[in-house]
Amino acid sequence: MEAEPTLWEKFLAQVEPHLPEYLHWNEICWTFVSYLAEVRRYIHRKTRGMEAWEIVVNTATICFYVWITFEILRWLISWIFFQDESFISRVKKTFFRTLRRLPIIKDKINEKMQETLDDMEQMAFPLHEGQTYRLKLPSKGLKEAELSKEIDKYGEMVEIDWEAGQVSGTVYSGGKELTDILTKVYAKFAWTNPLHADIFPDVRKMEAEVVRMTISLFNGGEEACGTMTLGGTESILLACKAYRDWAYERGIKKPEIVAPNTIHAAFDKAAHYFGFKLVHVAVNPKTYTCDLKALKRAITSRTIAIAGSAPHFPHGIVDPIEDMAKLAKRYNIGMHVDACLGGFLIPFMAKAGYHLPPFDFKVDGVTSISCDTHKYGYAPKGSSVIMYHSKHLRQFQFFVAPDWPGGIYACPTIPGSRPGGIMAATWAAMMHFGESGYVECTKKIIQTREKIQKGIETTKGLYVLGDPKVSIVAFGSHDFNIYCLGTSLTERGWCLNCLQNPAAIHYCITLLTTQQGVADRFIKDIKECTAKLLNDPNAKTTGMGAIYGMAQSIPDRSMVSELACGFLDCMYNTKDPKPAQNGTK
């Protein structure tokens, strides 16, 4: 009578027919057992003659050293690969921080830094002759006539004629007629506050209508919603806050947002304020659009959203929103479109006769859009709109303190009290222009940008970065320091934006730039200035160009941050200017 097969033999009988011919479970198991036996014999040989307490102590010591080694390796791997900042960046910071602690280098750097900051304080915001700072309230309040005289004196400090259209971006004026209208509207609603919607139902209605009209421009459906904010930065901050809290609901404790390195710096500010990680990816070095392969590689289990621009500020390039949204949809994450700059241009481009790839809520996967009404919407400064594809996502933007003794505190945006006058003026600007007005303005701006771009492209020594489609044209040079060109143009009354990485300058076209003769004058000046620089490529630069040139040459970026903070300090300087030396000014 045959013996009943064991459980192990039954298991092998079922598994072995499905294994490759060269793989036999019996051999594997016996090999493993023989190795265990060899380990056992080795331990017996090593512990022969030892007391029991010695075996226990040695075992504990070995375990302790193994544990310490494991912890060191775990810390090292975590420090290199799993930090918010890259390993190379942290090594650089540590190196420069250590270097700056050396007494000789420390003293030299501090001396130079202080010298630069002192010069900046004297040169950044100089007062006119005879002017001083007011440090205390007047003993008696000024009457209207006296106050007007004082205000006129402050107005005399403005030296740049921005109304001439020679300033890049900055002022998005809709014309004198609109200015008169907005002044009257703001005066009527100057004391209103949307925080108290029961007291100011008119402003509440206006805000709701501004949001809904903007949503319709971006093809949002019935579920699409949003709020007004005090500017593009707040719109971006709120979107990032919403995605962060959405991540928390999904169990992601350390959320990440992935965006090209051309995304607006407000995303870096949001990451700094709200404690999430912003992962920058490269852009195509020729087109300056987001590198989709790099974007895909950067997406992890902690990624909660992708962000792209339409267009981005440095070079005026529109990211491939449709392709980015497909990735967001595939990984079930959010897709934010930053249309702060071009928000009241790109929706009207098709009717103005210009093609642009899809960028709005019609694109499957787009979950939020930021759009500034105070730029090409021609509303007063301090006006923007943040939009979401659903109310569920917008709820993560809201803040509620249900147990406050002062009552249930519920707030849709960052500030509590908000200027109702700005909201009313925004509503008035949108109603004044209407769709046809915005289409006409868009046509003028794009035509002017094309004209200026063509003038730059036909100028020897200059090249345009990427293929701009909206209102910005950025340009650089391989033949001379492009910041020198910025200095030369400044001397002729132009005020352009300096860019870095790579070094370039850009001109953001506004409605003021479309005035008769402005584009022709710019092209003439840029050709003449460039021709001079080609003959003298080593010319020195001054002003912001010199600062940017210096900043790019400093490998320790913490020093650049210190200088930037010094400049911000200068903005609040109230020291009277030093007396002239040797009788000179």
Protein backbone atom coordinates (compact mmCIF):
# COMPACT_ATOMS: atom_id res chain seq x y z
CA MET A 1 0.00 0.00 0.00
CA GLU A 2 1.51 3.31 -1.15
CA ALA A 3 2.01 6.10 1.40
CA GLU A 4 -0.20 9.21 1.15
CA PRO A 5 1.79 12.06 -0.56
CA THR A 6 2.72 14.93 1.72
CA LEU A 7 1.32 18.43 1.30
CA TRP A 8 4.68 19.60 -0.11
CA GLU A 9 4.70 16.79 -2.69
CA LYS A 10 1.14 17.68 -3.74
CA PHE A 11 2.18 21.32 -4.20
CA LEU A 12 5.22 20.37 -6.30
CA ALA A 13 3.12 18.04 -8.44
CA GLN A 14 0.78 20.91 -9.34
CA VAL A 15 3.47 23.59 -9.86
CA GLU A 16 6.31 21.73 -11.62
CA PRO A 17 4.51 21.05 -14.95
CA HIS A 18 4.13 24.86 -15.40
CA LEU A 19 7.82 25.65 -14.73
CA PRO A 20 10.60 25.80 -17.34
CA GLU A 21 12.52 22.54 -17.83
CA TYR A 22 15.69 23.91 -16.24
CA LEU A 23 13.89 25.04 -13.06
CA HIS A 24 13.16 22.34 -10.45
CA TRP A 25 11.67 23.30 -7.12
CA ASN A 26 13.29 20.39 -5.30
CA GLU A 27 16.76 21.54 -6.36
CA ILE A 28 16.04 25.16 -5.41
CA CYS A 29 14.70 24.22 -1.99
CA TRP A 30 17.53 21.81 -1.17
CA THR A 31 20.12 24.37 -2.30
CA PHE A 32 18.55 26.97 -0.02
CA VAL A 33 18.45 24.52 2.91
CA SER A 34 22.10 23.55 2.35
CA TYR A 35 23.13 27.21 2.46
CA LEU A 36 21.22 27.69 5.71
CA ALA A 37 22.95 24.64 7.14
CA GLU A 38 26.34 26.03 6.12
CA VAL A 39 25.54 29.33 7.83
CA ARG A 40 24.52 27.40 10.94
CA ARG A 41 27.79 25.42 10.97
CA TYR A 42 29.79 28.66 10.47
CA ILE A 43 28.10 30.27 13.47
CA HIS A 44 28.76 27.15 15.60
CA ARG A 45 32.45 27.23 14.67
CA LYS A 46 32.77 30.92 15.52
CA THR A 47 30.95 30.63 18.87
CA ARG A 48 32.63 27.42 20.00
CA GLY A 49 34.02 27.88 23.51
CA MET A 50 32.05 31.10 24.16
CA GLU A 51 29.95 31.66 27.23
CA ALA A 52 26.23 32.24 26.74
CA TRP A 53 26.50 35.87 27.83
CA GLU A 54 29.25 36.46 25.27
CA ILE A 55 27.05 35.11 22.49
CA VAL A 56 24.19 37.40 23.58
CA VAL A 57 26.44 40.50 23.79
CA ASN A 58 28.09 39.81 20.43
CA THR A 59 24.71 39.21 18.79
CA ALA A 60 23.34 42.47 20.22
CA THR A 61 26.47 44.38 19.12
CA ILE A 62 26.29 43.02 15.58
CA CYS A 63 22.57 43.83 15.38
CA PHE A 64 23.26 47.33 16.69
CA TYR A 65 25.98 47.96 14.06
CA VAL A 66 23.75 46.55 11.31
CA TRP A 67 20.93 48.84 12.45
CA ILE A 68 23.25 51.89 12.58
CA THR A 69 24.61 51.10 9.10
CA PHE A 70 21.09 50.68 7.74
CA GLU A 71 19.96 54.00 9.27
CA ILE A 72 22.99 55.85 7.86
CA LEU A 73 22.35 54.41 4.41
CA ARG A 74 18.65 55.26 4.66
CA TRP A 75 19.45 58.85 5.71
CA LEU A 76 22.07 59.20 2.95
CA ILE A 77 19.73 57.92 0.24
CA SER A 78 16.90 60.14 1.54
CA TRP A 79 19.22 63.20 1.67
CA ILE A 80 20.44 62.65 -1.88
CA PHE A 81 17.26 61.59 -3.67
CA PHE A 82 14.19 62.48 -1.60
CA GLN A 83 14.43 66.17 -0.71
CA ASP A 84 12.40 69.12 -1.97
CA GLU A 85 15.54 70.65 -3.47
CA SER A 86 17.84 68.80 -5.85
CA PHE A 87 21.07 67.23 -4.55
CA ILE A 88 23.28 69.36 -6.82
CA SER A 89 21.55 72.57 -5.72
CA ARG A 90 22.00 71.67 -2.05
CA VAL A 91 25.66 70.79 -2.55
CA LYS A 92 26.22 74.17 -4.23
CA LYS A 93 24.48 76.02 -1.40
CA THR A 94 26.47 74.14 1.23
CA PHE A 95 29.73 74.84 -0.60
CA PHE A 96 29.09 78.57 -0.96
CA ARG A 97 27.77 78.84 2.61
CA THR A 98 30.94 77.21 3.92
CA LEU A 99 33.11 79.38 1.67
CA ARG A 100 31.44 82.56 2.90
CA ARG A 101 32.23 81.63 6.50
CA LEU A 102 35.97 81.85 5.88
CA PRO A 103 37.10 85.13 7.55
CA ILE A 104 39.02 86.59 4.59
CA ILE A 105 36.30 85.79 2.03
CA LYS A 106 33.49 86.73 4.44
CA ASP A 107 34.92 90.20 5.09
CA LYS A 108 35.54 90.86 1.39
CA ILE A 109 32.04 89.76 0.37
CA ASN A 110 30.36 91.74 3.16
CA GLU A 111 32.33 94.85 2.20
CA LYS A 112 31.37 94.57 -1.48
CA MET A 113 27.75 93.74 -0.68
CA GLN A 114 27.41 96.75 1.61
CA GLU A 115 29.04 98.97 -1.01
CA THR A 116 26.60 97.76 -3.65
CA LEU A 117 23.62 98.21 -1.32
CA ASP A 118 24.73 101.74 -0.39
CA ASP A 119 25.04 102.65 -4.07
CA MET A 120 21.64 101.12 -4.73
CA GLU A 121 20.08 103.17 -1.94
CA GLN A 122 21.47 106.38 -3.42
CA MET A 123 20.68 105.58 -7.05
CA ALA A 124 17.51 103.47 -7.02
CA PHE A 125 14.94 106.10 -6.11
CA PRO A 126 16.60 109.55 -5.97
CA LEU A 127 14.63 112.57 -4.84
CA HIS A 128 14.49 115.78 -6.82
CA GLU A 129 16.30 118.82 -5.50
CA GLY A 130 14.61 120.28 -2.45
CA GLN A 131 12.45 117.21 -1.79
CA THR A 132 12.40 115.47 1.59
CA TYR A 133 10.45 112.61 3.12
CA ARG A 134 7.46 113.17 5.38
CA LEU A 135 7.95 111.12 8.53
CA LYS A 136 4.98 112.27 10.65
CA LEU A 137 1.36 113.28 10.16
CA PRO A 138 0.81 117.00 9.59
CA SER A 139 -0.32 118.74 12.77
CA LYS A 140 -3.43 119.89 10.89
CA GLY A 141 -5.10 118.20 7.96
CA LEU A 142 -4.68 119.77 4.50
CA LYS A 143 -7.60 121.32 2.64
CA GLU A 144 -8.38 120.20 -0.90
CA ALA A 145 -6.44 123.01 -2.61
CA GLU A 146 -3.33 122.44 -0.48
CA LEU A 147 -3.58 118.69 -0.96
CA SER A 148 -3.83 119.08 -4.74
CA LYS A 149 -0.64 121.14 -4.78
CA GLU A 150 1.19 118.46 -2.78
CA ILE A 151 -0.06 115.72 -5.09
CA ASP A 152 1.12 117.70 -8.12
CA LYS A 153 4.60 117.84 -6.60
CA TYR A 154 4.63 114.06 -6.31
CA GLY A 155 3.46 113.81 -9.91
CA GLU A 156 6.53 115.79 -11.00
CA MET A 157 8.71 112.86 -9.89
CA VAL A 158 7.49 110.73 -12.82
CA GLU A 159 10.04 111.03 -15.61
CA ILE A 160 8.94 108.21 -17.93
CA ASP A 161 6.12 109.15 -20.29
CA TRP A 162 4.23 105.86 -20.18
CA GLU A 163 1.33 107.33 -22.15
CA ALA A 164 3.63 107.54 -25.19
CA GLY A 165 3.58 103.72 -25.47
CA GLN A 166 7.33 103.29 -24.96
CA VAL A 167 6.97 101.12 -21.84
CA SER A 168 6.83 97.32 -22.03
CA GLY A 169 3.58 96.12 -20.42
CA THR A 170 3.17 97.79 -17.00
CA VAL A 171 0.28 100.12 -17.92
CA TYR A 172 -2.69 98.56 -19.75
CA SER A 173 -4.69 101.69 -20.43
CA GLY A 174 -7.97 101.48 -22.31
CA GLY A 175 -7.94 105.14 -23.32
CA LYS A 176 -9.09 108.47 -21.88
CA GLU A 177 -12.81 107.79 -22.36
CA LEU A 178 -12.61 104.58 -20.34
CA THR A 179 -10.47 106.29 -17.69
CA ASP A 180 -13.17 108.92 -17.18
CA ILE A 181 -15.86 106.22 -16.92
CA LEU A 182 -13.87 104.11 -14.43
CA THR A 183 -13.10 107.14 -12.27
CA LYS A 184 -16.81 107.91 -11.91
CA VAL A 185 -17.74 104.28 -11.29
CA TYR A 186 -15.02 103.83 -8.67
CA ALA A 187 -16.07 107.03 -6.91
CA LYS A 188 -19.61 105.68 -6.65
CA PHE A 189 -18.51 102.35 -5.16
CA ALA A 190 -15.39 103.52 -3.26
CA TRP A 191 -16.76 102.55 0.17
CA THR A 192 -18.31 99.21 -0.75
CA ASN A 193 -17.01 95.88 0.54
CA PRO A 194 -18.11 92.50 -0.94
CA LEU A 195 -17.35 90.85 2.42
CA HIS A 196 -20.74 92.21 3.47
CA ALA A 197 -22.85 90.94 0.59
CA ASP A 198 -26.07 91.64 2.49
CA ILE A 199 -25.22 95.35 2.65
CA PHE A 200 -23.79 95.61 -0.88
CA PRO A 201 -25.88 93.28 -3.09
CA ASP A 202 -25.05 95.41 -6.15
CA VAL A 203 -21.32 94.68 -5.91
CA ARG A 204 -22.01 90.99 -5.23
CA LYS A 205 -24.04 90.82 -8.43
CA MET A 206 -21.31 92.61 -10.40
CA GLU A 207 -18.61 90.22 -9.16
CA ALA A 208 -20.72 87.18 -10.02
CA GLU A 209 -21.35 88.57 -13.50
CA VAL A 210 -17.66 89.37 -14.11
CA VAL A 211 -16.78 85.78 -13.19
CA ARG A 212 -19.52 84.27 -15.35
CA MET A 213 -18.70 86.48 -18.37
CA THR A 214 -15.03 85.51 -18.09
CA ILE A 215 -15.93 81.82 -17.80
CA SER A 216 -17.99 82.09 -20.99
CA LEU A 217 -14.93 83.53 -22.79
CA PHE A 218 -13.04 80.36 -21.83
CA ASN A 219 -15.89 78.03 -22.82
CA GLY A 220 -16.71 76.86 -19.31
CA GLY A 221 -19.86 74.80 -18.85
CA GLU A 222 -22.64 75.15 -16.30
CA GLU A 223 -20.51 73.56 -13.58
CA ALA A 224 -17.60 75.94 -14.20
CA CYS A 225 -17.19 78.58 -11.49
CA GLY A 226 -14.69 80.99 -9.96
CA THR A 227 -14.07 84.15 -7.97
CA MET A 228 -12.55 87.57 -8.51
CA THR A 229 -9.17 88.27 -6.91
CA LEU A 230 -6.89 91.26 -6.44
CA GLY A 231 -4.44 90.22 -9.16
CA GLY A 232 -2.84 87.38 -11.06
CA THR A 233 -0.60 86.39 -8.16
CA GLU A 234 -3.58 85.88 -5.86
CA SER A 235 -5.38 83.91 -8.58
CA ILE A 236 -2.38 81.57 -8.89
CA LEU A 237 -1.94 81.32 -5.11
CA LEU A 238 -5.58 80.30 -4.69
CA ALA A 239 -5.40 77.71 -7.46
CA CYS A 240 -2.30 76.16 -5.86
CA LYS A 241 -3.95 76.23 -2.44
CA ALA A 242 -6.98 74.45 -3.88
CA TYR A 243 -4.80 71.73 -5.46
CA ARG A 244 -2.81 71.31 -2.25
CA ASP A 245 -5.95 70.77 -0.19
CA TRP A 246 -7.37 68.47 -2.87
CA ALA A 247 -4.16 66.43 -2.51
CA TYR A 248 -4.68 66.21 1.25
CA GLU A 249 -8.18 64.83 0.68
CA ARG A 250 -6.69 62.18 -1.61
CA GLY A 251 -4.17 61.16 1.06
CA ILE A 252 -1.13 62.86 -0.53
CA LYS A 253 0.76 64.45 2.37
CA LYS A 254 3.58 66.04 0.34
CA PRO A 255 1.93 67.19 -2.91
CA GLU A 256 3.82 68.35 -5.98
CA ILE A 257 2.88 70.57 -8.91
CA VAL A 258 4.88 70.15 -12.13
CA ALA A 259 5.43 73.10 -14.48
CA PRO A 260 7.94 74.33 -17.07
CA ASN A 261 10.62 76.69 -15.76
CA THR A 262 9.00 79.55 -17.70
CA ILE A 263 5.89 79.40 -15.50
CA HIS A 264 5.21 82.60 -13.55
CA ALA A 265 7.21 83.09 -10.34
CA ALA A 266 3.89 83.32 -8.45
CA PHE A 267 3.92 79.49 -8.48
CA ASP A 268 7.25 79.56 -6.61
CA LYS A 269 5.70 82.01 -4.17
CA ALA A 270 2.71 79.68 -3.70
CA ALA A 271 5.02 76.72 -3.03
CA HIS A 272 6.92 78.83 -0.49
CA TYR A 273 3.74 79.99 1.26
CA PHE A 274 1.71 76.77 1.18
CA GLY A 275 4.38 74.13 1.69
CA PHE A 276 4.05 72.02 -1.44
CA LYS A 277 6.83 71.20 -3.91
CA LEU A 278 7.02 72.92 -7.30
CA VAL A 279 8.90 70.72 -9.77
CA HIS A 280 10.36 72.70 -12.67
CA VAL A 281 10.96 70.96 -15.99
CA ALA A 282 12.93 72.20 -18.98
CA VAL A 283 11.52 73.90 -22.05
CA ASN A 284 12.51 73.17 -25.62
CA PRO A 285 15.65 75.30 -26.23
CA LYS A 286 14.40 76.32 -29.70
CA THR A 287 10.65 76.77 -29.28
CA TYR A 288 10.61 77.64 -25.53
CA THR A 289 7.50 75.49 -25.11
CA CYS A 290 7.19 72.90 -22.32
CA ASP A 291 9.21 69.72 -22.95
CA LEU A 292 6.48 67.07 -22.80
CA LYS A 293 8.90 64.16 -22.28
CA ALA A 294 10.52 65.93 -19.33
CA LEU A 295 7.05 66.77 -18.00
CA LYS A 296 5.95 63.13 -18.15
CA ARG A 297 9.13 61.94 -16.39
CA ALA A 298 8.55 64.43 -13.57
CA ILE A 299 5.05 63.12 -12.74
CA THR A 300 5.03 60.91 -9.63
CA SER A 301 2.48 59.47 -7.21
CA ARG A 302 2.71 62.79 -5.31
CA THR A 303 1.90 64.98 -8.33
CA ILE A 304 -1.46 66.70 -7.91
CA ALA A 305 -1.43 69.08 -10.89
CA ILE A 306 0.38 70.29 -14.02
CA ALA A 307 0.60 73.98 -14.93
CA GLY A 308 1.18 75.64 -18.29
CA SER A 309 1.01 79.18 -19.69
CA ALA A 310 -1.00 80.82 -22.44
CA PRO A 311 1.29 82.67 -22.99
CA HIS A 312 4.18 82.76 -20.50
CA PHE A 313 5.69 86.07 -19.45
CA PRO A 314 9.38 85.75 -20.46
CA HIS A 315 9.04 84.99 -24.18
CA GLY A 316 5.32 85.24 -24.91
CA ILE A 317 5.09 81.56 -25.95
CA VAL A 318 1.95 79.43 -25.52
CA ASP A 319 2.64 76.01 -23.99
CA PRO A 320 1.13 72.87 -25.64
CA ILE A 321 -1.94 72.97 -23.40
CA GLU A 322 -3.81 70.20 -25.24
CA ASP A 323 -0.94 67.69 -24.88
CA MET A 324 -0.33 68.68 -21.26
CA ALA A 325 -4.03 68.22 -20.47
CA LYS A 326 -3.92 64.71 -21.97
CA LEU A 327 -1.17 63.81 -19.51
CA ALA A 328 -3.18 65.30 -16.64
CA LYS A 329 -6.22 63.29 -17.69
CA ARG A 330 -4.20 60.07 -17.98
CA TYR A 331 -2.78 60.42 -14.46
CA ASN A 332 -6.01 61.78 -12.93
CA ILE A 333 -4.45 65.04 -11.80
CA GLY A 334 -5.32 68.73 -12.26
CA MET A 335 -4.32 70.94 -15.19
CA HIS A 336 -3.99 74.68 -14.59
CA VAL A 337 -3.70 77.16 -17.45
CA ASP A 338 -2.08 80.46 -16.47
CA ALA A 339 -3.69 82.95 -18.85
CA CYS A 340 -3.12 85.93 -16.55
CA LEU A 341 -1.13 87.83 -19.16
CA GLY A 342 -3.07 87.02 -22.31
CA GLY A 343 -6.47 86.25 -20.80
CA PHE A 344 -8.31 89.03 -22.63
CA LEU A 345 -6.42 88.51 -25.90
CA ILE A 346 -6.40 84.78 -26.62
CA PRO A 347 -10.20 84.28 -26.42
CA PHE A 348 -10.64 86.93 -29.15
CA MET A 349 -7.80 85.90 -31.46
CA ALA A 350 -9.89 83.60 -33.65
CA LYS A 351 -12.41 86.38 -34.38
CA ALA A 352 -9.50 88.77 -34.95
CA GLY A 353 -8.20 86.40 -37.64
CA TYR A 354 -5.41 84.63 -35.76
CA HIS A 355 -5.22 80.89 -35.08
CA LEU A 356 -4.19 79.53 -31.68
CA PRO A 357 -4.23 75.87 -30.53
CA PRO A 358 -6.94 74.98 -27.94
CA PHE A 359 -6.18 76.36 -24.47
CA ASP A 360 -9.45 76.66 -22.49
CA PHE A 361 -12.15 74.52 -20.83
CA LYS A 362 -13.00 72.96 -24.19
CA VAL A 363 -9.77 70.98 -23.77
CA ASP A 364 -10.58 67.79 -21.87
CA GLY A 365 -8.42 67.72 -18.76
CA VAL A 366 -8.16 71.49 -18.08
CA THR A 367 -9.41 71.99 -14.53
CA SER A 368 -8.57 75.63 -13.72
CA ILE A 369 -7.61 78.88 -15.47
CA SER A 370 -6.30 82.20 -14.12
CA CYS A 371 -7.02 85.35 -16.13
CA ASP A 372 -6.20 88.99 -15.38
CA THR A 373 -8.90 91.51 -16.14
CA HIS A 374 -6.54 94.35 -15.16
CA LYS A 375 -4.29 93.75 -18.16
CA TYR A 376 -5.93 93.44 -21.58
CA GLY A 377 -9.37 93.56 -19.96
CA TYR A 378 -8.49 97.24 -19.24
CA ALA A 379 -9.88 97.16 -15.71
CA PRO A 380 -8.05 99.06 -12.92
CA LYS A 381 -5.07 97.38 -11.27
CA GLY A 382 -6.02 94.87 -8.61
CA SER A 383 -8.44 92.80 -10.67
CA SER A 384 -8.20 89.18 -11.80
CA VAL A 385 -10.36 86.03 -12.06
CA ILE A 386 -9.60 82.44 -11.03
CA MET A 387 -11.85 79.81 -12.67
CA TYR A 388 -12.45 76.10 -11.98
CA HIS A 389 -14.18 73.40 -14.00
CA SER A 390 -16.30 72.39 -10.99
CA LYS A 391 -17.56 73.71 -7.64
CA HIS A 392 -16.00 70.71 -5.92
CA LEU A 393 -12.51 71.96 -6.79
CA ARG A 394 -13.33 75.58 -5.93
CA GLN A 395 -14.38 74.58 -2.40
CA PHE A 396 -10.76 73.73 -1.62
CA GLN A 397 -9.96 77.40 -2.26
CA PHE A 398 -12.38 78.64 0.40
CA PHE A 399 -11.48 79.24 4.04
CA VAL A 400 -13.96 78.71 6.88
CA ALA A 401 -13.47 79.20 10.64
CA PRO A 402 -16.71 77.72 12.06
CA ASP A 403 -15.95 78.24 15.77
CA TRP A 404 -14.72 81.85 15.87
CA PRO A 405 -16.44 83.84 18.67
CA GLY A 406 -17.03 86.66 16.17
CA GLY A 407 -19.30 84.39 14.12
CA ILE A 408 -18.83 81.85 11.37
CA TYR A 409 -16.02 83.32 9.27
CA ALA A 410 -16.24 82.17 5.65
CA CYS A 411 -14.05 83.79 3.02
CA PRO A 412 -13.74 82.95 -0.70
CA THR A 413 -10.30 84.51 -1.29
CA ILE A 414 -7.19 85.51 0.71
CA PRO A 415 -8.25 89.00 1.92
CA GLY A 416 -11.38 89.41 3.98
CA SER A 417 -12.39 92.94 3.02
CA ARG A 418 -12.04 93.60 -0.71
CA PRO A 419 -12.39 96.81 -2.75
CA GLY A 420 -15.89 96.89 -4.22
CA GLY A 421 -14.88 99.91 -6.30
CA ILE A 422 -12.38 97.80 -8.26
CA MET A 423 -15.00 95.12 -8.94
CA ALA A 424 -17.54 97.67 -10.11
CA ALA A 425 -14.94 99.33 -12.36
CA THR A 426 -13.97 95.92 -13.82
CA TRP A 427 -17.61 95.21 -14.61
CA ALA A 428 -17.88 98.66 -16.22
CA ALA A 429 -14.75 98.11 -18.37
CA MET A 430 -16.06 94.78 -19.68
CA MET A 431 -19.47 96.25 -20.44
CA HIS A 432 -17.90 99.30 -22.12
CA PHE A 433 -15.71 97.30 -24.51
CA GLY A 434 -17.99 94.38 -25.25
CA GLU A 435 -16.88 91.55 -27.52
CA SER A 436 -16.42 93.71 -30.60
CA GLY A 437 -14.27 96.20 -28.70
CA TYR A 438 -11.97 93.48 -27.37
CA VAL A 439 -11.68 91.87 -30.80
CA GLU A 440 -10.64 95.20 -32.32
CA CYS A 441 -8.05 95.84 -29.59
CA THR A 442 -6.68 92.30 -30.01
CA LYS A 443 -6.29 92.83 -33.76
CA LYS A 444 -4.34 96.08 -33.22
CA ILE A 445 -2.04 94.55 -30.61
CA ILE A 446 -1.22 91.39 -32.61
CA GLN A 447 -0.58 93.44 -35.78
CA THR A 448 1.78 95.74 -33.87
CA ARG A 449 3.62 92.78 -32.32
CA GLU A 450 4.04 91.23 -35.80
CA LYS A 451 5.41 94.49 -37.16
CA ILE A 452 7.90 94.90 -34.33
CA GLN A 453 8.89 91.23 -34.51
CA LYS A 454 9.58 91.53 -38.25
CA GLY A 455 11.68 94.65 -37.59
CA ILE A 456 13.77 92.76 -35.01
CA GLU A 457 14.17 89.69 -37.23
CA THR A 458 15.50 91.87 -40.07
CA THR A 459 18.01 93.60 -37.79
CA LYS A 460 21.54 92.22 -38.10
CA GLY A 461 22.86 90.93 -34.76
CA LEU A 462 19.47 90.14 -33.21
CA TYR A 463 17.28 87.03 -33.08
CA VAL A 464 13.76 86.38 -31.72
CA LEU A 465 13.32 83.70 -29.07
CA GLY A 466 10.80 81.06 -30.15
CA ASP A 467 7.72 81.79 -32.21
CA PRO A 468 5.56 84.28 -30.26
CA LYS A 469 1.87 84.36 -31.15
CA VAL A 470 0.32 86.86 -28.76
CA SER A 471 1.59 90.21 -27.42
CA ILE A 472 5.22 89.68 -26.33
CA VAL A 473 8.35 89.48 -28.45
CA ALA A 474 11.65 88.53 -26.76
CA PHE A 475 15.00 88.95 -28.46
CA GLY A 476 18.69 88.35 -27.80
CA SER A 477 22.05 88.53 -29.55
CA HIS A 478 25.01 86.24 -30.20
CA ASP A 479 27.21 89.18 -31.16
CA PHE A 480 27.08 91.53 -28.15
CA ASN A 481 25.73 91.92 -24.62
CA ILE A 482 21.97 92.28 -25.13
CA TYR A 483 21.69 94.28 -21.91
CA CYS A 484 23.81 97.00 -23.58
CA LEU A 485 21.03 97.32 -26.15
CA GLY A 486 18.55 97.71 -23.31
CA THR A 487 20.68 100.52 -21.89
CA SER A 488 20.87 102.26 -25.29
CA LEU A 489 17.10 102.03 -25.73
CA THR A 490 16.55 103.37 -22.21
CA GLU A 491 18.59 106.43 -23.13
CA ARG A 492 16.15 106.98 -26.01
CA GLY A 493 13.10 106.83 -23.74
CA TRP A 494 12.19 103.12 -24.02
CA CYS A 495 11.59 100.95 -20.94
CA LEU A 496 11.83 97.22 -21.70
CA ASN A 497 12.05 94.09 -19.53
CA CYS A 498 15.36 92.30 -18.91
CA LEU A 499 15.28 88.48 -19.01
CA GLN A 500 17.80 85.87 -17.90
CA ASN A 501 18.68 82.24 -18.66
CA PRO A 502 19.21 83.05 -21.49
CA ALA A 503 20.05 86.75 -21.44
CA ALA A 504 17.43 88.65 -23.46
CA ILE A 505 15.02 91.57 -23.33
CA HIS A 506 11.36 91.66 -24.28
CA TYR A 507 8.74 94.15 -25.35
CA CYS A 508 5.19 93.54 -24.14
CA ILE A 509 2.86 95.30 -26.57
CA THR A 510 -0.10 97.16 -25.08
CA LEU A 511 -2.86 99.27 -26.59
CA LEU A 512 -0.65 102.30 -26.01
CA THR A 513 2.01 100.78 -28.28
CA THR A 514 -0.48 100.66 -31.14
CA GLN A 515 -0.57 104.47 -31.31
CA GLN A 516 0.53 106.01 -34.58
CA GLY A 517 4.30 106.00 -35.08
CA VAL A 518 5.32 104.12 -31.91
CA ALA A 519 6.26 100.83 -33.63
CA ASP A 520 8.10 102.66 -36.45
CA ARG A 521 10.07 104.71 -33.92
CA PHE A 522 11.00 101.59 -31.97
CA ILE A 523 12.21 99.72 -35.07
CA LYS A 524 14.26 102.76 -36.14
CA ASP A 525 15.86 103.11 -32.70
CA ILE A 526 16.60 99.42 -32.32
CA LYS A 527 18.31 99.24 -35.73
CA GLU A 528 20.44 102.30 -35.00
CA CYS A 529 21.41 101.14 -31.49
CA THR A 530 22.22 97.62 -32.71
CA ALA A 531 24.42 98.95 -35.53
CA LYS A 532 26.47 100.95 -32.98
CA LEU A 533 26.86 97.92 -30.71
CA LEU A 534 28.04 95.72 -33.58
CA ASN A 535 30.87 98.21 -34.05
CA ASP A 536 31.53 98.31 -30.27
CA PRO A 537 30.46 94.90 -28.83
CA ASN A 538 32.35 95.53 -25.54
CA ALA A 539 30.33 98.62 -24.63
CA LYS A 540 29.41 98.90 -20.93
CA THR A 541 25.89 98.69 -19.63
CA THR A 542 24.25 100.53 -16.75
CA GLY A 543 21.02 100.44 -14.74
CA MET A 544 18.95 97.24 -14.64
CA GLY A 545 20.99 95.77 -17.49
CA ALA A 546 24.14 96.02 -15.37
CA ILE A 547 22.34 94.47 -12.41
CA TYR A 548 21.10 91.52 -14.50
CA GLY A 549 24.51 91.08 -16.08
CA MET A 550 26.13 91.00 -12.64
CA ALA A 551 23.44 88.65 -11.27
CA GLN A 552 24.02 86.10 -14.03
CA SER A 553 27.76 86.08 -13.33
CA ILE A 554 27.33 85.28 -9.61
CA PRO A 555 27.37 81.50 -9.03
CA ASP A 556 26.15 81.84 -5.43
CA ARG A 557 22.45 82.56 -5.97
CA SER A 558 21.95 83.39 -2.29
CA MET A 559 23.96 86.57 -2.92
CA VAL A 560 21.57 87.49 -5.74
CA SER A 561 18.68 87.00 -3.31
CA GLU A 562 20.40 89.27 -0.78
CA LEU A 563 20.85 91.99 -3.40
CA ALA A 564 17.20 91.65 -4.45
CA CYS A 565 16.11 91.98 -0.82
CA GLY A 566 18.34 95.05 -0.58
CA PHE A 567 16.53 96.56 -3.55
CA LEU A 568 13.17 95.87 -1.87
CA ASP A 569 14.48 97.58 1.26
CA CYS A 570 15.30 100.61 -0.87
CA MET A 571 11.67 100.85 -1.93
CA TYR A 572 10.79 101.71 1.68
CA ASN A 573 13.71 104.05 2.24
CA THR A 574 12.74 107.37 3.86
CA LYS A 575 16.22 108.74 4.48
CA ASP A 576 16.81 112.19 3.06
CA PRO A 577 19.48 112.23 0.32
CA LYS A 578 23.05 112.84 1.42
CA PRO A 579 24.38 116.37 0.80
CA ALA A 580 26.44 116.87 -2.36
CA GLN A 581 30.21 116.43 -2.05
CA ASN A 582 32.56 119.37 -2.87
CA GLY A 583 29.73 121.57 -4.00
CA THR A 584 28.59 119.13 -6.71
CA LYS A 585 25.31 117.34 -7.00
